[in-house]
Amino acid sequence: MKTSVLLLLLCAALLTVATLASEAYPSGYGTDSCDVDLVPVRQEVYDGGRIIDISHRYVPDMPAFESDEGIGQFLWLPKSMKNGSIANNSEMKMQAHTGTHVDAPGHVFDHYFDAGFDVDTLDLEVLNGPALLVDVPRNKNITAEVMESLNIPKGVRRVLFRTLNTDRRLMFTKKFDSSYVGFTQDGAKWLVENTNIKLVGIDYLSVAAYSDLIPAHHAFLKEREVILVESLKLDDVKAGIYSVHCLPLRLFGSEGSPIRCILIKG
């Protein structure tokens, strides 16, 4: 009898913990029975589709710029409970411009780097607010002609550009592909001179086409008014207006940082 009561009490306690866990982790940490199966479900959308994660998950096969091998191992567990430590404590090592990330002006201008224009100086107001997700013509880089054809309304300050990169699933391909779609120098220059856009997002490792790598970056970052977010995950997201929220790490002295970006439907 006592054993049965104890089992019932234990079951109730487990269900209470599971309920609390599911409130904090809506991805499936909770359970409706005492047969607890700890298999978390990873999500891309939350709150019934209202919140969309547009950041890529960091995995060893994620592509790295000009590499055939992906980013490789980036996490280590030097302190492990299985090896006697009182807690698990991971260490991480990777390039600052890995996965979904942001560029600061010091990325391509050494005098800005020396002066301290790092990711900690980026304007969070620019990185958070109303944004337009647009589809770019799939047969070319983003030139001045393409920019003009998009007819982006005056006053729009944040634009996420979805290109052939998303269709080709390049961010899910381990080997770097230099044929990705990006901005040409004249496309970047046209955007800076003819629009109010201050946040530019794109769906591969560089906002600049491989052939215009430095010139396009220079056009964007010369005046320190445009912020670049690269490697966004824009598949299965409808074009339109959202509220974008991007937060880089406060890495003092770094010209780049991983960034978590989400879209929220109005």
C-alpha atoms as a PDB file:
ATOM      1  CA  MET A   1       0.000   0.000   0.000  1.00  0.00           C
ATOM      2  CA  LYS A   2       2.750   2.413   0.988  1.00  0.00           C
ATOM      3  CA  THR A   3       4.627   1.582  -2.206  1.00  0.00           C
ATOM      4  CA  SER A   4       1.566   2.385  -4.337  1.00  0.00           C
ATOM      5  CA  VAL A   5       1.073   5.731  -2.592  1.00  0.00           C
ATOM      6  CA  LEU A   6       4.717   6.617  -3.066  1.00  0.00           C
ATOM      7  CA  LEU A   7       4.511   5.771  -6.770  1.00  0.00           C
ATOM      8  CA  LEU A   8       1.424   7.953  -7.172  1.00  0.00           C
ATOM      9  CA  LEU A   9       3.122  10.844  -5.389  1.00  0.00           C
ATOM     10  CA  LEU A  10       6.223  10.440  -7.546  1.00  0.00           C
ATOM     11  CA  CYS A  11       4.102  10.371 -10.705  1.00  0.00           C
ATOM     12  CA  ALA A  12       2.299  13.567  -9.650  1.00  0.00           C
ATOM     13  CA  ALA A  13       5.616  15.267  -8.973  1.00  0.00           C
ATOM     14  CA  LEU A  14       6.965  14.259 -12.371  1.00  0.00           C
ATOM     15  CA  LEU A  15       3.867  15.563 -14.131  1.00  0.00           C
ATOM     16  CA  THR A  16       4.147  18.869 -12.258  1.00  0.00           C
ATOM     17  CA  VAL A  17       7.774  19.260 -13.302  1.00  0.00           C
ATOM     18  CA  ALA A  18       6.901  18.304 -16.877  1.00  0.00           C
ATOM     19  CA  THR A  19       4.091  20.885 -16.971  1.00  0.00           C
ATOM     20  CA  LEU A  20       6.411  23.628 -15.744  1.00  0.00           C
ATOM     21  CA  ALA A  21       9.043  22.560 -18.240  1.00  0.00           C
ATOM     22  CA  SER A  22       6.589  22.634 -21.125  1.00  0.00           C
ATOM     23  CA  GLU A  23       5.614  26.200 -20.246  1.00  0.00           C
ATOM     24  CA  ALA A  24       9.244  27.270 -20.462  1.00  0.00           C
ATOM     25  CA  TYR A  25      10.115  25.001 -23.383  1.00  0.00           C
ATOM     26  CA  PRO A  26       7.086  24.679 -25.696  1.00  0.00           C
ATOM     27  CA  SER A  27       9.108  22.459 -28.020  1.00  0.00           C
ATOM     28  CA  GLY A  28       7.992  19.231 -26.338  1.00  0.00           C
ATOM     29  CA  TYR A  29       9.856  18.922 -23.040  1.00  0.00           C
ATOM     30  CA  GLY A  30       6.576  18.155 -21.248  1.00  0.00           C
ATOM     31  CA  THR A  31       4.741  14.832 -21.210  1.00  0.00           C
ATOM     32  CA  ASP A  32       1.261  13.604 -20.393  1.00  0.00           C
ATOM     33  CA  SER A  33       2.324  10.334 -18.797  1.00  0.00           C
ATOM     34  CA  CYS A  34       4.759   9.020 -16.225  1.00  0.00           C
ATOM     35  CA  ASP A  35       6.707   7.291 -18.996  1.00  0.00           C
ATOM     36  CA  VAL A  36       8.892  10.360 -19.535  1.00  0.00           C
ATOM     37  CA  ASP A  37      10.663  10.303 -22.895  1.00  0.00           C
ATOM     38  CA  LEU A  38      13.266  13.074 -22.906  1.00  0.00           C
ATOM     39  CA  VAL A  39      13.428  13.786 -26.623  1.00  0.00           C
ATOM     40  CA  PRO A  40      13.235  17.545 -27.275  1.00  0.00           C
ATOM     41  CA  VAL A  41      11.526  18.696 -30.451  1.00  0.00           C
ATOM     42  CA  ARG A  42      13.375  21.537 -32.165  1.00  0.00           C
ATOM     43  CA  GLN A  43      11.221  24.277 -33.652  1.00  0.00           C
ATOM     44  CA  GLU A  44      11.480  26.898 -36.374  1.00  0.00           C
ATOM     45  CA  VAL A  45       8.188  28.647 -35.542  1.00  0.00           C
ATOM     46  CA  TYR A  46       6.570  29.477 -32.211  1.00  0.00           C
ATOM     47  CA  ASP A  47       3.254  30.690 -30.861  1.00  0.00           C
ATOM     48  CA  GLY A  48       1.214  29.098 -33.611  1.00  0.00           C
ATOM     49  CA  GLY A  49       3.406  30.520 -36.374  1.00  0.00           C
ATOM     50  CA  ARG A  50       3.485  34.101 -35.099  1.00  0.00           C
ATOM     51  CA  ILE A  51       7.216  33.967 -34.288  1.00  0.00           C
ATOM     52  CA  ILE A  52       9.606  32.660 -36.954  1.00  0.00           C
ATOM     53  CA  ASP A  53      13.249  31.874 -36.246  1.00  0.00           C
ATOM     54  CA  ILE A  54      15.323  33.031 -39.229  1.00  0.00           C
ATOM     55  CA  SER A  55      18.684  32.069 -37.717  1.00  0.00           C
ATOM     56  CA  HIS A  56      20.508  28.929 -38.769  1.00  0.00           C
ATOM     57  CA  ARG A  57      21.261  26.215 -36.250  1.00  0.00           C
ATOM     58  CA  TYR A  58      25.008  25.803 -35.665  1.00  0.00           C
ATOM     59  CA  VAL A  59      26.167  22.329 -36.720  1.00  0.00           C
ATOM     60  CA  PRO A  60      29.606  21.035 -37.823  1.00  0.00           C
ATOM     61  CA  ASP A  61      28.488  20.732 -41.469  1.00  0.00           C
ATOM     62  CA  MET A  62      27.385  24.362 -41.673  1.00  0.00           C
ATOM     63  CA  PRO A  63      29.282  26.036 -44.552  1.00  0.00           C
ATOM     64  CA  ALA A  64      32.216  28.322 -43.844  1.00  0.00           C
ATOM     65  CA  PHE A  65      33.496  30.990 -46.209  1.00  0.00           C
ATOM     66  CA  GLU A  66      35.916  29.588 -48.811  1.00  0.00           C
ATOM     67  CA  SER A  67      36.018  26.159 -47.138  1.00  0.00           C
ATOM     68  CA  ASP A  68      35.052  22.701 -48.376  1.00  0.00           C
ATOM     69  CA  GLU A  69      34.932  21.274 -44.856  1.00  0.00           C
ATOM     70  CA  GLY A  70      32.237  23.318 -43.137  1.00  0.00           C
ATOM     71  CA  ILE A  71      32.837  24.899 -39.749  1.00  0.00           C
ATOM     72  CA  GLY A  72      33.814  21.572 -38.190  1.00  0.00           C
ATOM     73  CA  GLN A  73      33.823  20.979 -34.454  1.00  0.00           C
ATOM     74  CA  PHE A  74      33.046  24.181 -32.591  1.00  0.00           C
ATOM     75  CA  LEU A  75      31.914  22.866 -29.195  1.00  0.00           C
ATOM     76  CA  TRP A  76      33.933  21.028 -26.566  1.00  0.00           C
ATOM     77  CA  LEU A  77      32.938  19.787 -23.115  1.00  0.00           C
ATOM     78  CA  PRO A  78      36.057  20.068 -20.966  1.00  0.00           C
ATOM     79  CA  LYS A  79      34.019  19.906 -17.768  1.00  0.00           C
ATOM     80  CA  SER A  80      31.512  17.055 -17.782  1.00  0.00           C
ATOM     81  CA  MET A  81      29.298  15.649 -15.039  1.00  0.00           C
ATOM     82  CA  LYS A  82      29.982  12.204 -16.486  1.00  0.00           C
ATOM     83  CA  ASN A  83      33.666  12.773 -15.732  1.00  0.00           C
ATOM     84  CA  GLY A  84      33.117  14.013 -12.206  1.00  0.00           C
ATOM     85  CA  SER A  85      32.481  17.762 -12.638  1.00  0.00           C
ATOM     86  CA  ILE A  86      29.659  19.287 -10.594  1.00  0.00           C
ATOM     87  CA  ALA A  87      28.114  20.703 -13.827  1.00  0.00           C
ATOM     88  CA  ASN A  88      28.480  20.465 -17.586  1.00  0.00           C
ATOM     89  CA  ASN A  89      30.410  23.428 -18.967  1.00  0.00           C
ATOM     90  CA  SER A  90      30.976  23.701 -22.740  1.00  0.00           C
ATOM     91  CA  GLU A  91      33.557  25.781 -24.565  1.00  0.00           C
ATOM     92  CA  MET A  92      33.036  27.233 -28.042  1.00  0.00           C
ATOM     93  CA  LYS A  93      35.505  28.289 -30.724  1.00  0.00           C
ATOM     94  CA  MET A  94      34.649  29.526 -34.230  1.00  0.00           C
ATOM     95  CA  GLN A  95      35.079  32.529 -36.491  1.00  0.00           C
ATOM     96  CA  ALA A  96      32.972  35.576 -35.637  1.00  0.00           C
ATOM     97  CA  HIS A  97      31.480  35.549 -39.168  1.00  0.00           C
ATOM     98  CA  THR A  98      29.977  32.068 -38.858  1.00  0.00           C
ATOM     99  CA  GLY A  99      26.387  31.111 -39.565  1.00  0.00           C
ATOM    100  CA  THR A 100      23.808  33.859 -39.153  1.00  0.00           C
ATOM    101  CA  HIS A 101      25.927  36.843 -38.229  1.00  0.00           C
ATOM    102  CA  VAL A 102      26.357  40.607 -38.400  1.00  0.00           C
ATOM    103  CA  ASP A 103      29.140  42.732 -39.909  1.00  0.00           C
ATOM    104  CA  ALA A 104      30.476  45.864 -38.232  1.00  0.00           C
ATOM    105  CA  PRO A 105      32.305  48.591 -40.233  1.00  0.00           C
ATOM    106  CA  GLY A 106      35.678  47.328 -39.003  1.00  0.00           C
ATOM    107  CA  HIS A 107      35.169  44.169 -41.053  1.00  0.00           C
ATOM    108  CA  VAL A 108      36.468  45.812 -44.236  1.00  0.00           C
ATOM    109  CA  PHE A 109      37.892  49.157 -43.046  1.00  0.00           C
ATOM    110  CA  ASP A 110      41.018  48.892 -40.938  1.00  0.00           C
ATOM    111  CA  HIS A 111      40.822  52.475 -39.685  1.00  0.00           C
ATOM    112  CA  TYR A 112      37.312  51.774 -38.373  1.00  0.00           C
ATOM    113  CA  PHE A 113      38.608  48.583 -36.742  1.00  0.00           C
ATOM    114  CA  ASP A 114      41.427  50.515 -35.035  1.00  0.00           C
ATOM    115  CA  ALA A 115      39.015  53.251 -33.949  1.00  0.00           C
ATOM    116  CA  GLY A 116      36.781  50.702 -32.223  1.00  0.00           C
ATOM    117  CA  PHE A 117      33.739  50.462 -34.491  1.00  0.00           C
ATOM    118  CA  ASP A 118      32.958  46.927 -33.347  1.00  0.00           C
ATOM    119  CA  VAL A 119      29.680  45.008 -32.989  1.00  0.00           C
ATOM    120  CA  ASP A 120      29.171  46.542 -29.545  1.00  0.00           C
ATOM    121  CA  THR A 121      28.716  49.948 -31.227  1.00  0.00           C
ATOM    122  CA  LEU A 122      25.953  48.844 -33.627  1.00  0.00           C
ATOM    123  CA  ASP A 123      22.582  50.556 -33.245  1.00  0.00           C
ATOM    124  CA  LEU A 124      20.016  48.095 -31.846  1.00  0.00           C
ATOM    125  CA  GLU A 125      17.211  50.341 -33.093  1.00  0.00           C
ATOM    126  CA  VAL A 126      18.307  49.573 -36.658  1.00  0.00           C
ATOM    127  CA  LEU A 127      18.433  45.855 -35.876  1.00  0.00           C
ATOM    128  CA  ASN A 128      14.913  45.807 -34.452  1.00  0.00           C
ATOM    129  CA  GLY A 129      11.704  47.067 -36.031  1.00  0.00           C
ATOM    130  CA  PRO A 130       9.437  46.819 -39.098  1.00  0.00           C
ATOM    131  CA  ALA A 131      11.088  44.995 -41.994  1.00  0.00           C
ATOM    132  CA  LEU A 132      10.233  43.983 -45.548  1.00  0.00           C
ATOM    133  CA  LEU A 133      11.068  40.511 -46.845  1.00  0.00           C
ATOM    134  CA  VAL A 134      11.402  40.625 -50.642  1.00  0.00           C
ATOM    135  CA  ASP A 135      12.071  38.033 -53.329  1.00  0.00           C
ATOM    136  CA  VAL A 136      14.895  38.898 -55.702  1.00  0.00           C
ATOM    137  CA  PRO A 137      14.793  37.812 -59.376  1.00  0.00           C
ATOM    138  CA  ARG A 138      16.425  34.393 -59.402  1.00  0.00           C
ATOM    139  CA  ASN A 139      18.627  34.724 -62.482  1.00  0.00           C
ATOM    140  CA  LYS A 140      21.160  37.370 -61.450  1.00  0.00           C
ATOM    141  CA  ASN A 141      23.064  39.138 -58.697  1.00  0.00           C
ATOM    142  CA  ILE A 142      21.559  42.185 -57.013  1.00  0.00           C
ATOM    143  CA  THR A 143      22.652  44.932 -59.355  1.00  0.00           C
ATOM    144  CA  ALA A 144      21.507  48.556 -59.520  1.00  0.00           C
ATOM    145  CA  GLU A 145      19.038  47.480 -62.198  1.00  0.00           C
ATOM    146  CA  VAL A 146      17.614  44.765 -59.963  1.00  0.00           C
ATOM    147  CA  MET A 147      17.385  47.126 -57.000  1.00  0.00           C
ATOM    148  CA  GLU A 148      15.448  49.655 -59.069  1.00  0.00           C
ATOM    149  CA  SER A 149      13.102  46.951 -60.367  1.00  0.00           C
ATOM    150  CA  LEU A 150      12.147  45.886 -56.837  1.00  0.00           C
ATOM    151  CA  ASN A 151      10.350  49.208 -56.299  1.00  0.00           C
ATOM    152  CA  ILE A 152      10.954  49.206 -52.563  1.00  0.00           C
ATOM    153  CA  PRO A 153       8.858  52.049 -51.107  1.00  0.00           C
ATOM    154  CA  LYS A 154      10.625  55.120 -49.796  1.00  0.00           C
ATOM    155  CA  GLY A 155      10.820  55.102 -46.047  1.00  0.00           C
ATOM    156  CA  VAL A 156      11.413  51.361 -45.677  1.00  0.00           C
ATOM    157  CA  ARG A 157      14.464  51.035 -43.416  1.00  0.00           C
ATOM    158  CA  ARG A 158      14.951  47.284 -43.062  1.00  0.00           C
ATOM    159  CA  VAL A 159      14.930  44.828 -45.964  1.00  0.00           C
ATOM    160  CA  LEU A 160      15.656  41.100 -46.043  1.00  0.00           C
ATOM    161  CA  PHE A 161      16.570  39.879 -49.534  1.00  0.00           C
ATOM    162  CA  ARG A 162      15.628  36.302 -50.398  1.00  0.00           C
ATOM    163  CA  THR A 163      17.530  34.999 -53.411  1.00  0.00           C
ATOM    164  CA  LEU A 164      18.351  31.855 -55.344  1.00  0.00           C
ATOM    165  CA  ASN A 165      20.587  30.967 -52.393  1.00  0.00           C
ATOM    166  CA  THR A 166      17.500  29.906 -50.450  1.00  0.00           C
ATOM    167  CA  ASP A 167      16.129  27.856 -53.354  1.00  0.00           C
ATOM    168  CA  ARG A 168      19.479  26.088 -53.712  1.00  0.00           C
ATOM    169  CA  ARG A 169      19.684  25.530 -49.929  1.00  0.00           C
ATOM    170  CA  LEU A 170      23.267  26.729 -49.908  1.00  0.00           C
ATOM    171  CA  MET A 171      23.315  27.228 -46.137  1.00  0.00           C
ATOM    172  CA  PHE A 172      22.498  23.533 -45.774  1.00  0.00           C
ATOM    173  CA  THR A 173      25.391  22.541 -48.061  1.00  0.00           C
ATOM    174  CA  LYS A 174      28.724  21.871 -46.362  1.00  0.00           C
ATOM    175  CA  LYS A 175      30.957  22.956 -49.248  1.00  0.00           C
ATOM    176  CA  PHE A 176      31.250  26.694 -49.842  1.00  0.00           C
ATOM    177  CA  ASP A 177      29.762  27.776 -53.179  1.00  0.00           C
ATOM    178  CA  SER A 178      31.225  30.927 -54.745  1.00  0.00           C
ATOM    179  CA  SER A 179      28.368  31.124 -57.257  1.00  0.00           C
ATOM    180  CA  TYR A 180      26.004  32.399 -54.563  1.00  0.00           C
ATOM    181  CA  VAL A 181      23.830  35.461 -55.247  1.00  0.00           C
ATOM    182  CA  GLY A 182      24.822  38.758 -53.658  1.00  0.00           C
ATOM    183  CA  PHE A 183      25.089  42.473 -54.223  1.00  0.00           C
ATOM    184  CA  THR A 184      27.349  43.895 -56.871  1.00  0.00           C
ATOM    185  CA  GLN A 185      29.129  47.153 -56.140  1.00  0.00           C
ATOM    186  CA  ASP A 186      26.673  49.173 -58.206  1.00  0.00           C
ATOM    187  CA  GLY A 187      23.726  47.440 -56.526  1.00  0.00           C
ATOM    188  CA  ALA A 188      25.045  48.308 -53.066  1.00  0.00           C
ATOM    189  CA  LYS A 189      25.807  51.866 -54.153  1.00  0.00           C
ATOM    190  CA  TRP A 190      22.305  52.268 -55.606  1.00  0.00           C
ATOM    191  CA  LEU A 191      20.734  51.094 -52.348  1.00  0.00           C
ATOM    192  CA  VAL A 192      22.800  53.511 -50.265  1.00  0.00           C
ATOM    193  CA  GLU A 193      22.142  56.499 -52.528  1.00  0.00           C
ATOM    194  CA  ASN A 194      18.477  55.937 -53.441  1.00  0.00           C
ATOM    195  CA  THR A 195      16.746  54.330 -50.464  1.00  0.00           C
ATOM    196  CA  ASN A 196      16.323  54.796 -46.724  1.00  0.00           C
ATOM    197  CA  ILE A 197      17.409  51.210 -46.017  1.00  0.00           C
ATOM    198  CA  LYS A 198      19.699  50.877 -43.003  1.00  0.00           C
ATOM    199  CA  LEU A 199      19.450  47.139 -42.350  1.00  0.00           C
ATOM    200  CA  VAL A 200      20.302  44.751 -45.190  1.00  0.00           C
ATOM    201  CA  GLY A 201      19.789  41.030 -44.678  1.00  0.00           C
ATOM    202  CA  ILE A 202      20.623  38.218 -47.087  1.00  0.00           C
ATOM    203  CA  ASP A 203      20.482  34.425 -47.243  1.00  0.00           C
ATOM    204  CA  TYR A 204      24.136  33.343 -47.596  1.00  0.00           C
ATOM    205  CA  LEU A 205      27.494  33.905 -45.959  1.00  0.00           C
ATOM    206  CA  SER A 206      28.154  37.253 -47.651  1.00  0.00           C
ATOM    207  CA  VAL A 207      25.902  40.093 -48.686  1.00  0.00           C
ATOM    208  CA  ALA A 208      28.368  40.846 -51.494  1.00  0.00           C
ATOM    209  CA  ALA A 209      28.639  38.782 -54.666  1.00  0.00           C
ATOM    210  CA  TYR A 210      31.912  36.836 -54.753  1.00  0.00           C
ATOM    211  CA  SER A 211      33.130  38.860 -57.743  1.00  0.00           C
ATOM    212  CA  ASP A 212      32.452  42.151 -55.898  1.00  0.00           C
ATOM    213  CA  LEU A 213      33.316  40.988 -52.406  1.00  0.00           C
ATOM    214  CA  ILE A 214      35.222  43.997 -51.068  1.00  0.00           C
ATOM    215  CA  PRO A 215      33.838  46.771 -53.349  1.00  0.00           C
ATOM    216  CA  ALA A 216      30.230  45.973 -52.390  1.00  0.00           C
ATOM    217  CA  HIS A 217      31.089  45.796 -48.694  1.00  0.00           C
ATOM    218  CA  HIS A 218      32.868  49.152 -49.009  1.00  0.00           C
ATOM    219  CA  ALA A 219      29.801  50.704 -50.622  1.00  0.00           C
ATOM    220  CA  PHE A 220      27.603  49.503 -47.763  1.00  0.00           C
ATOM    221  CA  LEU A 221      29.865  50.221 -44.798  1.00  0.00           C
ATOM    222  CA  LYS A 222      31.847  53.306 -45.810  1.00  0.00           C
ATOM    223  CA  GLU A 223      29.523  55.781 -44.078  1.00  0.00           C
ATOM    224  CA  ARG A 224      28.776  53.463 -41.105  1.00  0.00           C
ATOM    225  CA  GLU A 225      25.028  53.903 -41.622  1.00  0.00           C
ATOM    226  CA  VAL A 226      24.084  50.449 -42.963  1.00  0.00           C
ATOM    227  CA  ILE A 227      24.182  47.253 -40.907  1.00  0.00           C
ATOM    228  CA  LEU A 228      24.641  43.929 -42.699  1.00  0.00           C
ATOM    229  CA  VAL A 229      23.128  40.654 -41.469  1.00  0.00           C
ATOM    230  CA  GLU A 230      24.200  37.577 -43.405  1.00  0.00           C
ATOM    231  CA  SER A 231      23.170  33.898 -43.646  1.00  0.00           C
ATOM    232  CA  LEU A 232      19.510  34.387 -42.797  1.00  0.00           C
ATOM    233  CA  LYS A 233      17.202  31.358 -42.958  1.00  0.00           C
ATOM    234  CA  LEU A 234      14.342  32.553 -45.163  1.00  0.00           C
ATOM    235  CA  ASP A 235      12.899  29.309 -46.514  1.00  0.00           C
ATOM    236  CA  ASP A 236       9.177  28.716 -45.958  1.00  0.00           C
ATOM    237  CA  VAL A 237       8.563  32.349 -45.013  1.00  0.00           C
ATOM    238  CA  LYS A 238       6.093  34.402 -47.019  1.00  0.00           C
ATOM    239  CA  ALA A 239       7.305  37.681 -48.496  1.00  0.00           C
ATOM    240  CA  GLY A 240       5.838  40.705 -46.763  1.00  0.00           C
ATOM    241  CA  ILE A 241       6.103  42.978 -43.763  1.00  0.00           C
ATOM    242  CA  TYR A 242       7.205  41.687 -40.361  1.00  0.00           C
ATOM    243  CA  SER A 243       8.788  42.946 -37.190  1.00  0.00           C
ATOM    244  CA  VAL A 244      12.415  41.807 -37.207  1.00  0.00           C
ATOM    245  CA  HIS A 245      14.448  41.389 -34.052  1.00  0.00           C
ATOM    246  CA  CYS A 246      18.207  40.730 -34.270  1.00  0.00           C
ATOM    247  CA  LEU A 247      20.582  40.743 -31.314  1.00  0.00           C
ATOM    248  CA  PRO A 248      24.357  40.297 -31.707  1.00  0.00           C
ATOM    249  CA  LEU A 249      26.650  39.387 -28.857  1.00  0.00           C
ATOM    250  CA  ARG A 250      28.379  42.324 -27.180  1.00  0.00           C
ATOM    251  CA  LEU A 251      31.857  41.289 -28.298  1.00  0.00           C
ATOM    252  CA  PHE A 252      34.143  44.186 -27.460  1.00  0.00           C
ATOM    253  CA  GLY A 253      36.720  44.621 -30.209  1.00  0.00           C
ATOM    254  CA  SER A 254      35.108  42.225 -32.695  1.00  0.00           C
ATOM    255  CA  GLU A 255      34.106  43.248 -36.223  1.00  0.00           C
ATOM    256  CA  GLY A 256      31.525  40.456 -36.426  1.00  0.00           C
ATOM    257  CA  SER A 257      29.258  38.383 -34.230  1.00  0.00           C
ATOM    258  CA  PRO A 258      26.813  35.499 -34.410  1.00  0.00           C
ATOM    259  CA  ILE A 259      23.306  36.926 -34.207  1.00  0.00           C
ATOM    260  CA  ARG A 260      19.885  35.499 -33.333  1.00  0.00           C
ATOM    261  CA  CYS A 261      17.170  36.890 -35.614  1.00  0.00           C
ATOM    262  CA  ILE A 262      13.444  36.323 -35.483  1.00  0.00           C
ATOM    263  CA  LEU A 263      10.449  37.624 -37.404  1.00  0.00           C
ATOM    264  CA  ILE A 264       7.174  38.406 -35.666  1.00  0.00           C
ATOM    265  CA  LYS A 265       3.985  38.626 -37.682  1.00  0.00           C
ATOM    266  CA  GLY A 266       1.951  41.765 -37.106  1.00  0.00           C
END
